Amino acid sequence: MKSRLGSGAVALAIFAVFTIGVMMFGARLGLWQPIVGFGLVRNYMNPIAYAVLGLGILGVIYYQVVKNHRGLGKSLFTAVVGIALLAPTLYGTINPPVRVPPIHDITTNTTNPPLFQVLDESREGAKNTLVYGGPEVAAFQQQAYPDIAPIFSDTSPQAAFKEALRVAKEMGWDIVAEDQTALRFEASAKTSVYQFVDDVVVAVSSVEGKSRVDIRSVSRIGRSDRGVNAERIRTFIRLFEK
């Protein structure tokens, strides 16, 4: 007994994986802007996954009735692919993400945040300003990310600046400008999947015989950054202090 339905289901499952992969990594491939890929995944990933899972379940039922083991195996494979595509949604349902505030500008110094001097409002694709939001944003950050704080190092400011620059390059940031006299640099960083571009400034200063390193990370688009900027700063601090 032939298993054409099973073969078709497998082909659909493979095509679905390929399609979602293109949606997710299309910006990396230069097909579209990151927000386009993000929107495509948000709107179409679950419907595609449900369709694959549904077809797989129908195939399992049908081939179980007609006792076609080859078709049953193909349908089981299709159903597993559907479940795998739904995994992020299932995980989010079981383990809801921590709510984050509607902010996209995170800094280790909310009183006197490092200023951007080279990157400006003309940066490509930017819809958010580089002007700091003031006490309201600072209060949101303190409530959500109380651990975000400056780095204090016993090394000289020059050595701390050199190490900060090394960490930035290790993290894959694109250094836009650096000033070894003022001990500051500006960079752009991309998120791993959708390639959203965020802007970062790092400034080193001398405070009470120690070096202080401040970081500020700002998203170019989006009211909320879903915690990405805070996590970027945490990673920077962790690598610097390692």
Protein backbone atom coordinates (compact mmCIF):
# COMPACT_ATOMS: atom_id res chain seq x y z
CA MET A 1 0.00 0.00 0.00
CA LYS A 2 1.41 3.33 -1.01
CA SER A 3 2.09 6.18 1.39
CA ARG A 4 1.78 9.23 -0.82
CA LEU A 5 0.02 11.22 1.89
CA GLY A 6 2.90 10.50 4.26
CA SER A 7 5.49 11.53 1.68
CA GLY A 8 3.59 14.72 0.96
CA ALA A 9 3.37 15.47 4.67
CA VAL A 10 7.12 15.00 5.09
CA ALA A 11 7.79 17.31 2.15
CA LEU A 12 5.48 19.92 3.66
CA ALA A 13 7.21 19.64 7.04
CA ILE A 14 10.63 20.14 5.47
CA PHE A 15 9.35 23.09 3.45
CA ALA A 16 7.82 24.60 6.60
CA VAL A 17 11.14 24.38 8.45
CA PHE A 18 12.90 25.99 5.49
CA THR A 19 10.30 28.77 5.26
CA ILE A 20 10.48 29.62 8.96
CA GLY A 21 14.27 29.54 8.79
CA VAL A 22 14.19 32.10 5.98
CA MET A 23 11.78 34.25 8.01
CA MET A 24 14.09 34.19 11.02
CA PHE A 25 17.40 34.67 9.23
CA GLY A 26 16.25 36.69 6.21
CA ALA A 27 17.78 39.89 7.60
CA ARG A 28 21.13 38.11 8.00
CA LEU A 29 20.85 37.05 4.35
CA GLY A 30 20.09 40.62 3.30
CA LEU A 31 16.53 39.85 2.18
CA TRP A 32 14.77 42.44 4.37
CA GLN A 33 14.99 44.59 7.47
CA PRO A 34 14.95 42.81 10.86
CA ILE A 35 11.48 44.08 11.74
CA VAL A 36 10.09 42.35 8.64
CA GLY A 37 11.43 38.94 9.66
CA PHE A 38 10.28 39.46 13.23
CA GLY A 39 6.77 40.29 12.02
CA LEU A 40 6.65 37.30 9.69
CA VAL A 41 7.61 34.89 12.45
CA ARG A 42 5.21 36.45 14.93
CA ASN A 43 2.28 36.27 12.47
CA TYR A 44 2.90 33.04 10.59
CA MET A 45 5.12 30.64 12.57
CA ASN A 46 2.38 29.24 14.80
CA PRO A 47 -0.22 28.81 12.01
CA ILE A 48 2.37 26.97 9.92
CA ALA A 49 3.33 24.80 12.89
CA TYR A 50 -0.31 23.94 13.66
CA ALA A 51 -0.89 23.03 10.02
CA VAL A 52 2.11 20.68 10.00
CA LEU A 53 1.11 19.13 13.33
CA GLY A 54 -2.51 18.72 12.21
CA LEU A 55 -1.51 17.04 8.96
CA GLY A 56 0.84 14.74 10.85
CA ILE A 57 -1.89 13.72 13.31
CA LEU A 58 -4.37 13.06 10.49
CA GLY A 59 -1.75 10.92 8.77
CA VAL A 60 -1.07 8.97 11.96
CA ILE A 61 -4.78 8.22 12.38
CA TYR A 62 -5.26 7.24 8.74
CA TYR A 63 -2.21 5.00 8.46
CA GLN A 64 -2.94 3.40 11.82
CA VAL A 65 -6.36 2.41 10.47
CA VAL A 66 -5.04 1.05 7.17
CA LYS A 67 -2.03 -0.60 8.84
CA ASN A 68 0.59 1.11 6.67
CA HIS A 69 3.71 1.26 8.81
CA ARG A 70 5.77 3.27 6.32
CA GLY A 71 3.09 5.94 6.06
CA LEU A 72 2.67 5.88 9.83
CA GLY A 73 6.37 6.57 10.32
CA LYS A 74 6.29 9.48 7.88
CA SER A 75 3.23 10.96 9.58
CA LEU A 76 4.83 10.61 13.01
CA PHE A 77 7.87 12.46 11.68
CA THR A 78 5.61 15.25 10.39
CA ALA A 79 3.83 15.52 13.73
CA VAL A 80 7.15 15.71 15.60
CA VAL A 81 8.29 18.53 13.31
CA GLY A 82 5.04 20.38 14.04
CA ILE A 83 5.58 20.00 17.79
CA ALA A 84 9.17 21.19 17.42
CA LEU A 85 8.01 24.31 15.56
CA LEU A 86 5.53 24.98 18.36
CA ALA A 87 8.20 24.47 21.05
CA PRO A 88 8.81 28.22 21.68
CA THR A 89 5.08 28.80 22.17
CA LEU A 90 4.70 25.74 24.38
CA TYR A 91 7.71 26.76 26.47
CA GLY A 92 6.36 30.30 26.84
CA THR A 93 3.02 28.91 28.01
CA ILE A 94 4.58 26.59 30.58
CA ASN A 95 7.24 29.07 31.68
CA PRO A 96 5.91 32.59 30.99
CA PRO A 97 8.68 35.13 30.33
CA VAL A 98 9.42 37.73 32.97
CA ARG A 99 7.61 40.96 32.22
CA VAL A 100 9.99 43.76 31.25
CA PRO A 101 9.29 47.51 31.30
CA PRO A 102 8.54 49.44 28.09
CA ILE A 103 12.06 50.87 27.83
CA HIS A 104 14.88 50.34 25.34
CA ASP A 105 17.69 52.51 26.80
CA ILE A 106 19.74 50.82 29.53
CA THR A 107 22.82 52.26 31.21
CA THR A 108 25.07 51.67 34.20
CA ASN A 109 24.77 55.38 35.03
CA THR A 110 21.18 56.63 35.09
CA THR A 111 22.19 59.92 36.73
CA ASN A 112 24.70 60.96 34.11
CA PRO A 113 24.44 58.43 31.25
CA PRO A 114 27.27 58.34 28.69
CA LEU A 115 26.42 60.50 25.69
CA PHE A 116 26.74 59.54 22.05
CA GLN A 117 28.99 61.98 20.21
CA VAL A 118 29.42 60.29 16.82
CA LEU A 119 26.29 58.19 16.38
CA ASP A 120 23.29 60.48 16.00
CA GLU A 121 19.66 60.60 14.94
CA SER A 122 20.62 59.94 11.32
CA ARG A 123 21.77 56.36 11.97
CA GLU A 124 20.22 53.88 9.55
CA GLY A 125 16.78 52.56 10.40
CA ALA A 126 16.59 54.35 13.73
CA LYS A 127 13.19 55.32 15.08
CA ASN A 128 14.26 55.81 18.71
CA THR A 129 16.13 58.87 19.89
CA LEU A 130 19.52 58.80 21.59
CA VAL A 131 18.35 61.44 24.07
CA TYR A 132 18.04 59.78 27.49
CA GLY A 133 14.50 59.58 28.85
CA GLY A 134 15.38 60.93 32.30
CA PRO A 135 14.04 59.97 35.76
CA GLU A 136 11.08 57.97 34.43
CA VAL A 137 13.30 55.64 32.40
CA ALA A 138 15.78 55.45 35.29
CA ALA A 139 13.00 54.40 37.68
CA PHE A 140 11.78 51.70 35.30
CA GLN A 141 15.33 50.39 34.94
CA GLN A 142 16.01 50.36 38.66
CA GLN A 143 12.86 48.37 39.27
CA ALA A 144 13.47 45.84 36.50
CA TYR A 145 17.27 45.59 36.45
CA PRO A 146 18.65 46.60 39.87
CA ASP A 147 21.84 44.62 39.17
CA ILE A 148 22.95 46.89 36.31
CA ALA A 149 25.82 48.91 37.79
CA PRO A 150 29.18 50.39 36.74
CA ILE A 151 32.34 48.31 36.62
CA PHE A 152 35.02 49.36 39.11
CA SER A 153 38.52 48.12 38.36
CA ASP A 154 41.83 48.47 40.18
CA THR A 155 43.64 48.83 36.86
CA SER A 156 44.52 52.18 35.32
CA PRO A 157 41.88 53.95 33.19
CA GLN A 158 43.99 53.31 30.09
CA ALA A 159 44.20 49.59 30.86
CA ALA A 160 40.48 49.46 31.63
CA PHE A 161 39.70 51.16 28.33
CA LYS A 162 41.88 48.69 26.45
CA GLU A 163 40.13 45.77 28.15
CA ALA A 164 36.68 47.26 27.47
CA LEU A 165 37.56 47.59 23.80
CA ARG A 166 38.77 43.99 23.72
CA VAL A 167 35.53 42.74 25.28
CA ALA A 168 33.44 44.73 22.80
CA LYS A 169 35.30 43.15 19.89
CA GLU A 170 34.97 39.70 21.47
CA MET A 171 31.20 40.25 21.62
CA GLY A 172 31.19 41.06 17.92
CA TRP A 173 30.35 44.74 18.19
CA ASP A 174 31.14 46.99 15.24
CA ILE A 175 33.32 49.78 16.63
CA VAL A 176 32.09 53.02 15.07
CA ALA A 177 34.45 55.45 16.83
CA GLU A 178 37.02 55.34 19.60
CA ASP A 179 38.81 58.11 21.48
CA GLN A 180 41.83 56.87 23.40
CA THR A 181 42.36 60.30 24.92
CA ALA A 182 38.82 60.66 26.27
CA LEU A 183 38.73 56.91 26.99
CA ARG A 184 35.42 56.27 25.27
CA PHE A 185 34.12 54.43 22.22
CA GLU A 186 30.85 53.96 20.37
CA ALA A 187 29.70 50.81 18.65
CA SER A 188 26.74 49.04 17.11
CA ALA A 189 25.65 45.55 18.11
CA LYS A 190 23.25 43.15 16.40
CA THR A 191 20.88 40.67 17.99
CA SER A 192 21.73 37.07 17.18
CA VAL A 193 18.63 35.95 15.25
CA TYR A 194 16.77 38.85 13.70
CA GLN A 195 19.82 41.14 13.45
CA PHE A 196 18.21 44.16 15.10
CA VAL A 197 20.85 46.88 15.45
CA ASP A 198 21.41 48.54 18.84
CA ASP A 199 23.85 51.34 19.64
CA VAL A 200 26.35 51.22 22.49
CA VAL A 201 28.65 53.74 24.12
CA VAL A 202 31.33 52.87 26.69
CA ALA A 203 33.13 55.47 28.78
CA VAL A 204 36.00 54.97 31.23
CA SER A 205 36.80 57.41 34.02
CA SER A 206 38.97 57.62 37.14
CA VAL A 207 37.10 57.64 40.45
CA GLU A 208 38.83 57.58 43.84
CA GLY A 209 41.90 55.85 42.49
CA LYS A 210 39.92 53.26 40.59
CA SER A 211 38.77 52.95 37.01
CA ARG A 212 35.04 53.20 36.41
CA VAL A 213 33.54 51.74 33.25
CA ASP A 214 30.05 52.84 32.23
CA ILE A 215 28.03 51.28 29.44
CA ARG A 216 24.88 52.41 27.71
CA SER A 217 22.96 50.32 25.16
CA VAL A 218 20.04 51.72 23.12
CA SER A 219 17.72 49.98 20.63
CA ARG A 220 17.16 51.70 17.30
CA ILE A 221 13.55 50.55 17.03
CA GLY A 222 10.87 49.29 19.40
CA ARG A 223 9.41 50.73 22.57
CA SER A 224 10.50 47.73 24.62
CA ASP A 225 13.71 45.78 24.05
CA ARG A 226 12.51 42.61 25.83
CA GLY A 227 15.53 42.80 28.11
CA VAL A 228 18.09 42.56 25.31
CA ASN A 229 20.06 45.69 26.24
CA ALA A 230 20.26 44.75 29.91
CA GLU A 231 21.48 41.27 29.01
CA ARG A 232 24.07 42.75 26.66
CA ILE A 233 25.44 44.92 29.46
CA ARG A 234 25.44 41.96 31.87
CA THR A 235 27.44 39.91 29.37
CA PHE A 236 29.90 42.76 28.87
CA ILE A 237 30.41 43.10 32.64
CA ARG A 238 30.84 39.36 33.05
CA LEU A 239 33.47 39.13 30.31
CA PHE A 240 35.28 42.22 31.59
CA GLU A 241 35.50 40.85 35.14
CA LYS A 242 36.39 37.30 34.09
